[in-house]
Amino acid sequence: MLKTMTIILWASPYGSEHAFSAVRMAEAGLQRGHRVHLHATGDGIHAFTAGQGAKGLPNIEAMVRGLMVSGLSVDV
C-alpha cells in the first residue's frame, strides 16, 4: 500500500543534524516506494539556497535536488 510521508523542516541546514536527518528520512521513504513531501519553514528554507555548503559537511541543497529527481515533493 502506497503511503504518504510529510516531513516539516524548520531547522537551518548546518546549525544541527536536523536538516540532514530530515533529508535522510525523505530518502528512506522514497526508496520504500512512498510519496514524500518535504515542507520547509523558518530557517529550514535555507536548505534550498543554491550554492551553499559548509566545508566538510554534506551539501543539503544537492541532496534535496537529487531526491526531487526521484519524486520528492517540496514546499517552501
C-alpha atoms as a PDB file:
ATOM      1  CA  MET A   1       0.000   0.000   0.000  1.00  0.00           C
ATOM      2  CA  LEU A   2       1.381   3.399  -1.044  1.00  0.00           C
ATOM      3  CA  LYS A   3       1.673   5.768   1.904  1.00  0.00           C
ATOM      4  CA  THR A   4       2.438   9.462   2.160  1.00  0.00           C
ATOM      5  CA  MET A   5       5.123  10.830   4.450  1.00  0.00           C
ATOM      6  CA  THR A   6       5.220  14.541   5.253  1.00  0.00           C
ATOM      7  CA  ILE A   7       8.361  15.988   6.816  1.00  0.00           C
ATOM      8  CA  ILE A   8       8.453  19.512   8.199  1.00  0.00           C
ATOM      9  CA  LEU A   9      11.901  21.054   8.185  1.00  0.00           C
ATOM     10  CA  TRP A  10      12.287  24.119  10.385  1.00  0.00           C
ATOM     11  CA  ALA A  11      15.993  23.895  11.259  1.00  0.00           C
ATOM     12  CA  SER A  12      18.798  25.580   9.343  1.00  0.00           C
ATOM     13  CA  PRO A  13      20.844  23.240   7.149  1.00  0.00           C
ATOM     14  CA  TYR A  14      24.084  23.487   9.116  1.00  0.00           C
ATOM     15  CA  GLY A  15      23.046  24.527  12.629  1.00  0.00           C
ATOM     16  CA  SER A  16      22.422  20.949  13.751  1.00  0.00           C
ATOM     17  CA  GLU A  17      21.851  17.483  12.329  1.00  0.00           C
ATOM     18  CA  HIS A  18      18.097  18.076  11.913  1.00  0.00           C
ATOM     19  CA  ALA A  19      18.164  19.028   8.216  1.00  0.00           C
ATOM     20  CA  PHE A  20      20.453  16.127   7.336  1.00  0.00           C
ATOM     21  CA  SER A  21      18.201  13.723   9.255  1.00  0.00           C
ATOM     22  CA  ALA A  22      15.094  15.073   7.514  1.00  0.00           C
ATOM     23  CA  VAL A  23      16.666  14.550   4.102  1.00  0.00           C
ATOM     24  CA  ARG A  24      17.751  11.022   5.031  1.00  0.00           C
ATOM     25  CA  MET A  25      14.223  10.194   6.224  1.00  0.00           C
ATOM     26  CA  ALA A  26      12.843  11.502   2.929  1.00  0.00           C
ATOM     27  CA  GLU A  27      15.339   9.361   1.042  1.00  0.00           C
ATOM     28  CA  ALA A  28      14.338   6.263   3.018  1.00  0.00           C
ATOM     29  CA  GLY A  29      10.652   6.870   2.321  1.00  0.00           C
ATOM     30  CA  LEU A  30      11.254   7.266  -1.402  1.00  0.00           C
ATOM     31  CA  GLN A  31      13.386   4.126  -1.512  1.00  0.00           C
ATOM     32  CA  ARG A  32      10.493   2.202   0.014  1.00  0.00           C
ATOM     33  CA  GLY A  33       8.148   3.498  -2.679  1.00  0.00           C
ATOM     34  CA  HIS A  34       6.199   6.023  -0.601  1.00  0.00           C
ATOM     35  CA  ARG A  35       5.151   9.529  -1.588  1.00  0.00           C
ATOM     36  CA  VAL A  36       7.237  12.006   0.372  1.00  0.00           C
ATOM     37  CA  HIS A  37       6.550  15.701   0.923  1.00  0.00           C
ATOM     38  CA  LEU A  38       9.154  17.972   2.490  1.00  0.00           C
ATOM     39  CA  HIS A  39       7.766  21.246   3.786  1.00  0.00           C
ATOM     40  CA  ALA A  40      10.347  23.866   4.770  1.00  0.00           C
ATOM     41  CA  THR A  41       9.516  26.734   7.076  1.00  0.00           C
ATOM     42  CA  GLY A  42      11.522  29.196   9.168  1.00  0.00           C
ATOM     43  CA  ASP A  43      15.259  28.546   8.907  1.00  0.00           C
ATOM     44  CA  GLY A  44      14.519  25.319   7.027  1.00  0.00           C
ATOM     45  CA  ILE A  45      14.053  27.271   3.799  1.00  0.00           C
ATOM     46  CA  HIS A  46      17.811  27.856   3.735  1.00  0.00           C
ATOM     47  CA  ALA A  47      18.277  24.179   2.896  1.00  0.00           C
ATOM     48  CA  PHE A  48      17.231  25.120  -0.660  1.00  0.00           C
ATOM     49  CA  THR A  49      19.655  28.008  -1.167  1.00  0.00           C
ATOM     50  CA  ALA A  50      21.672  27.340  -4.318  1.00  0.00           C
ATOM     51  CA  GLY A  51      25.432  27.323  -3.993  1.00  0.00           C
ATOM     52  CA  GLN A  52      25.510  26.865  -0.250  1.00  0.00           C
ATOM     53  CA  GLY A  53      27.636  24.409   1.597  1.00  0.00           C
ATOM     54  CA  ALA A  54      29.785  24.063   4.646  1.00  0.00           C
ATOM     55  CA  LYS A  55      33.251  22.652   4.249  1.00  0.00           C
ATOM     56  CA  GLY A  56      33.434  19.074   5.438  1.00  0.00           C
ATOM     57  CA  LEU A  57      29.657  18.628   5.781  1.00  0.00           C
ATOM     58  CA  PRO A  58      27.080  17.070   3.426  1.00  0.00           C
ATOM     59  CA  ASN A  59      25.591  19.516   0.905  1.00  0.00           C
ATOM     60  CA  ILE A  60      21.927  19.553   1.923  1.00  0.00           C
ATOM     61  CA  GLU A  61      20.839  21.531  -1.147  1.00  0.00           C
ATOM     62  CA  ALA A  62      22.437  18.990  -3.510  1.00  0.00           C
ATOM     63  CA  MET A  63      20.897  16.103  -1.576  1.00  0.00           C
ATOM     64  CA  VAL A  64      17.421  17.654  -1.828  1.00  0.00           C
ATOM     65  CA  ARG A  65      17.834  18.322  -5.562  1.00  0.00           C
ATOM     66  CA  GLY A  66      18.772  14.685  -6.097  1.00  0.00           C
ATOM     67  CA  LEU A  67      15.729  13.488  -4.186  1.00  0.00           C
ATOM     68  CA  MET A  68      13.452  15.803  -6.148  1.00  0.00           C
ATOM     69  CA  VAL A  69      14.513  13.949  -9.292  1.00  0.00           C
ATOM     70  CA  SER A  70      13.461  10.751  -7.506  1.00  0.00           C
ATOM     71  CA  GLY A  71       9.993  12.128  -6.720  1.00  0.00           C
ATOM     72  CA  LEU A  72      10.387  14.206  -3.564  1.00  0.00           C
ATOM     73  CA  SER A  73       7.734  16.924  -3.399  1.00  0.00           C
ATOM     74  CA  VAL A  74       8.989  20.170  -1.829  1.00  0.00           C
ATOM     75  CA  ASP A  75       7.042  23.118  -0.433  1.00  0.00           C
ATOM     76  CA  VAL A  76       8.948  26.200   0.651  1.00  0.00           C
END
